[in-house]
Each structure stands twice: as C-alpha cells, then as structure tokens.
Amino acid sequence: MTSIRLDSRALAVPVLVAAALAFTAPALRAQATGSPVGLWKNIDDESKKPKALIRVSENSEKLILQCLELGADGIVLPFVQSADDVKRAADAMFYPPKGRRGTCTVTRMTGYGAHRGQFLEHCRKQNERLVMVAQIEDAAGAAGRHEAGLRA
C-alpha cells in the first residue's frame, strides 16, 4: 500500500487562491453584467432628504430617459468635453421650453397615467428639481468648461 504525505505548505497556495476567488467572484459577476448606470446617493442640503443621482455610462438620450422615468433626481454625465455634450444631455433631461424631452403620461414618475390632468405641472416641477453633474475627466474637457458654462 502506498501512502501519500501532504505538505501543509503545498496546500496553502491553492487554498488561498480559492478563498480569494470566492470573495472576488461576486464583484466580477457584477462587473460583467455591464450595467450602464451606477447609483450615487446624496443628501440634499435644503431638504435633508436623500437624492438619487445616476451616473450614465454615456451621453445617451435613451439611458437618460430610462433613469429619469424610474425616478432619478438627476444625472451624472461622464467625460464631458464641450457645450454640445451638456446641451445634448439637457435636451434629453428637461421638458420644453428648457429641453426637448418627450412626454409620456404612463411612467412611474407620472403615477402610470393617474395624474394626466397635472402633467403640465409635473413637467414644470421636473424642470426645476432635476440636477445634472457634468464630469470633466481630461484636458480637453477642462478647456471646454467655460464654453459649456460649467463651474468648478
């Protein structure tokens, strides 16, 4: 009969690798989903209530509308480089006359059609309360900051 002697040091490395993978696997899976948004939770200075600002992965009208229709208080817009970037996002965020956001009275924010009679008031309130945070992430964005009307 042959006996095998195991050295505890030889097992230590595979065990540590397995433990590390067990702890990082959920994070890797979450990253692999490719979610286009990330949620930022902030506290409003005046109301002291939480505000949900959602960072979109790109300046996309579709993504911005999805976030706002779910009830976001604003958008964090990455990699802003020009006034055009800000204008495109603002057009998607705000209702006329401030932007060009389309209207749909059957969304979560409008009570799924229950508040159609107050839709114009809803649009006015949304235009007042929504926030856009423009992230400048390189020298070109910093150079275009004044053109875009952004403040540091």
Protein backbone atom coordinates (compact mmCIF):
# COMPACT_ATOMS: atom_id res chain seq x y z
CA MET A 1 0.00 0.00 0.00
CA THR A 2 1.31 3.42 -0.93
CA SER A 3 0.83 6.33 1.38
CA ILE A 4 0.87 9.93 0.27
CA ARG A 5 2.19 12.52 2.59
CA LEU A 6 0.79 16.03 2.04
CA ASP A 7 2.80 19.04 2.99
CA SER A 8 0.58 21.72 4.52
CA ARG A 9 2.63 24.42 2.79
CA ALA A 10 1.84 22.87 -0.60
CA LEU A 11 -1.88 23.20 0.13
CA ALA A 12 -1.66 26.76 1.40
CA VAL A 13 -1.33 28.45 -2.00
CA PRO A 14 -4.29 26.67 -3.71
CA VAL A 15 -6.45 27.26 -0.64
CA LEU A 16 -5.57 30.98 -0.60
CA VAL A 17 -6.27 31.28 -4.33
CA ALA A 18 -9.63 29.54 -3.92
CA ALA A 19 -10.53 31.83 -1.00
CA ALA A 20 -9.56 34.94 -2.96
CA LEU A 21 -11.68 33.83 -5.92
CA ALA A 22 -14.64 33.13 -3.64
CA PHE A 23 -14.52 36.68 -2.30
CA THR A 24 -13.95 38.41 -5.65
CA ALA A 25 -16.31 36.34 -7.79
CA PRO A 26 -19.46 38.33 -6.86
CA ALA A 27 -17.72 41.59 -7.75
CA LEU A 28 -16.50 40.15 -11.04
CA ARG A 29 -20.01 38.90 -11.85
CA ALA A 30 -21.50 42.32 -11.07
CA GLN A 31 -18.91 43.99 -13.27
CA ALA A 32 -19.52 41.50 -16.08
CA THR A 33 -23.21 42.41 -16.26
CA GLY A 34 -22.19 45.63 -17.98
CA SER A 35 -24.78 47.73 -16.21
CA PRO A 36 -24.95 51.12 -17.96
CA VAL A 37 -25.57 53.05 -14.77
CA GLY A 38 -24.24 53.48 -11.29
CA LEU A 39 -26.21 54.99 -8.42
CA TRP A 40 -24.93 57.86 -6.34
CA LYS A 41 -26.80 58.61 -3.14
CA ASN A 42 -26.52 62.16 -1.88
CA ILE A 43 -28.28 64.19 0.78
CA ASP A 44 -29.96 67.42 -0.30
CA ASP A 45 -28.63 70.43 1.62
CA GLU A 46 -32.03 72.12 1.97
CA SER A 47 -34.49 69.25 2.47
CA LYS A 48 -32.01 66.87 4.16
CA LYS A 49 -33.61 64.06 2.13
CA PRO A 50 -31.69 61.53 0.04
CA LYS A 51 -31.32 62.33 -3.64
CA ALA A 52 -30.58 59.69 -6.24
CA LEU A 53 -28.14 60.82 -8.90
CA ILE A 54 -27.47 58.18 -11.51
CA ARG A 55 -24.22 58.08 -13.46
CA VAL A 56 -24.96 57.03 -17.01
CA SER A 57 -22.24 55.24 -18.93
CA GLU A 58 -22.58 57.52 -21.94
CA ASN A 59 -24.41 60.63 -23.13
CA SER A 60 -27.38 58.71 -24.49
CA GLU A 61 -30.90 60.11 -24.64
CA LYS A 62 -32.30 56.62 -24.14
CA LEU A 63 -30.26 55.95 -20.96
CA ILE A 64 -31.03 59.38 -19.53
CA LEU A 65 -34.77 58.94 -20.11
CA GLN A 66 -34.77 55.46 -18.56
CA CYS A 67 -33.09 56.78 -15.42
CA LEU A 68 -35.40 59.77 -15.09
CA GLU A 69 -38.55 57.73 -15.70
CA LEU A 70 -37.51 55.45 -12.86
CA GLY A 71 -37.44 58.45 -10.54
CA ALA A 72 -33.84 59.67 -10.51
CA ASP A 73 -33.30 63.17 -9.15
CA GLY A 74 -30.57 63.81 -11.65
CA ILE A 75 -27.86 62.52 -13.92
CA VAL A 76 -24.10 62.33 -13.55
CA LEU A 77 -22.73 62.75 -17.06
CA PRO A 78 -19.23 61.33 -17.59
CA PHE A 79 -16.47 62.57 -19.88
CA VAL A 80 -17.95 65.97 -20.74
CA GLN A 81 -15.78 67.83 -23.24
CA SER A 82 -17.94 70.56 -24.78
CA ALA A 83 -21.05 72.69 -24.59
CA ASP A 84 -22.61 70.34 -27.13
CA ASP A 85 -22.25 67.42 -24.68
CA VAL A 86 -24.07 69.40 -21.99
CA LYS A 87 -26.78 70.59 -24.41
CA ARG A 88 -27.49 67.06 -25.69
CA ALA A 89 -27.92 65.75 -22.14
CA ALA A 90 -30.02 68.76 -21.09
CA ASP A 91 -32.29 68.30 -24.11
CA ALA A 92 -32.88 64.70 -23.02
CA MET A 93 -33.41 65.62 -19.33
CA PHE A 94 -35.68 68.64 -19.45
CA TYR A 95 -39.15 69.20 -20.85
CA PRO A 96 -39.78 72.17 -23.17
CA PRO A 97 -39.04 75.03 -23.10
CA LYS A 98 -35.84 74.12 -21.18
CA GLY A 99 -35.13 70.97 -23.22
CA ARG A 100 -36.67 68.60 -25.74
CA ARG A 101 -37.62 65.67 -23.51
CA GLY A 102 -40.53 63.74 -24.90
CA THR A 103 -43.72 63.20 -22.97
CA CYS A 104 -45.30 60.00 -21.78
CA THR A 105 -48.01 60.10 -19.15
CA VAL A 106 -47.77 56.41 -18.29
CA THR A 107 -44.50 56.23 -16.38
CA ARG A 108 -43.67 55.68 -12.73
CA MET A 109 -42.97 59.38 -12.25
CA THR A 110 -46.45 60.32 -13.50
CA GLY A 111 -48.31 57.69 -11.49
CA TYR A 112 -48.77 55.42 -14.52
CA GLY A 113 -51.40 57.71 -16.00
CA ALA A 114 -53.20 58.57 -12.75
CA HIS A 115 -52.03 62.19 -12.86
CA ARG A 116 -52.56 63.10 -16.51
CA GLY A 117 -54.51 66.19 -15.55
CA GLN A 118 -51.50 67.55 -13.70
CA PHE A 119 -48.94 66.65 -16.36
CA LEU A 120 -48.00 70.23 -17.23
CA GLU A 121 -47.39 70.94 -13.54
CA HIS A 122 -45.33 67.74 -13.36
CA CYS A 123 -43.19 68.96 -16.28
CA ARG A 124 -42.62 72.33 -14.60
CA LYS A 125 -41.63 70.71 -11.30
CA GLN A 126 -39.30 68.26 -13.03
CA ASN A 127 -37.56 71.09 -14.86
CA GLU A 128 -36.99 72.82 -11.52
CA ARG A 129 -35.78 69.83 -9.49
CA LEU A 130 -33.59 67.81 -11.85
CA VAL A 131 -29.81 68.09 -11.48
CA MET A 132 -27.03 67.40 -13.95
CA VAL A 133 -23.48 66.82 -12.73
CA ALA A 134 -21.00 67.07 -15.60
CA GLN A 135 -17.77 65.14 -15.05
CA ILE A 136 -14.72 66.66 -16.70
CA GLU A 137 -12.12 63.95 -16.95
CA ASP A 138 -9.36 65.25 -19.23
CA ALA A 139 -7.61 68.37 -20.51
CA ALA A 140 -9.99 68.81 -23.46
CA GLY A 141 -12.95 68.84 -21.09
CA ALA A 142 -11.22 71.33 -18.82
CA ALA A 143 -10.54 73.58 -21.80
CA GLY A 144 -14.19 73.40 -22.90
CA ARG A 145 -15.54 74.01 -19.39
CA HIS A 146 -16.10 77.74 -19.84
CA GLU A 147 -17.73 77.26 -23.27
CA ALA A 148 -20.13 74.77 -21.69
CA GLY A 149 -20.98 77.22 -18.90
CA LEU A 150 -19.75 74.83 -16.20
CA ARG A 151 -18.32 75.88 -12.86
CA ALA A 152 -15.77 74.04 -10.83
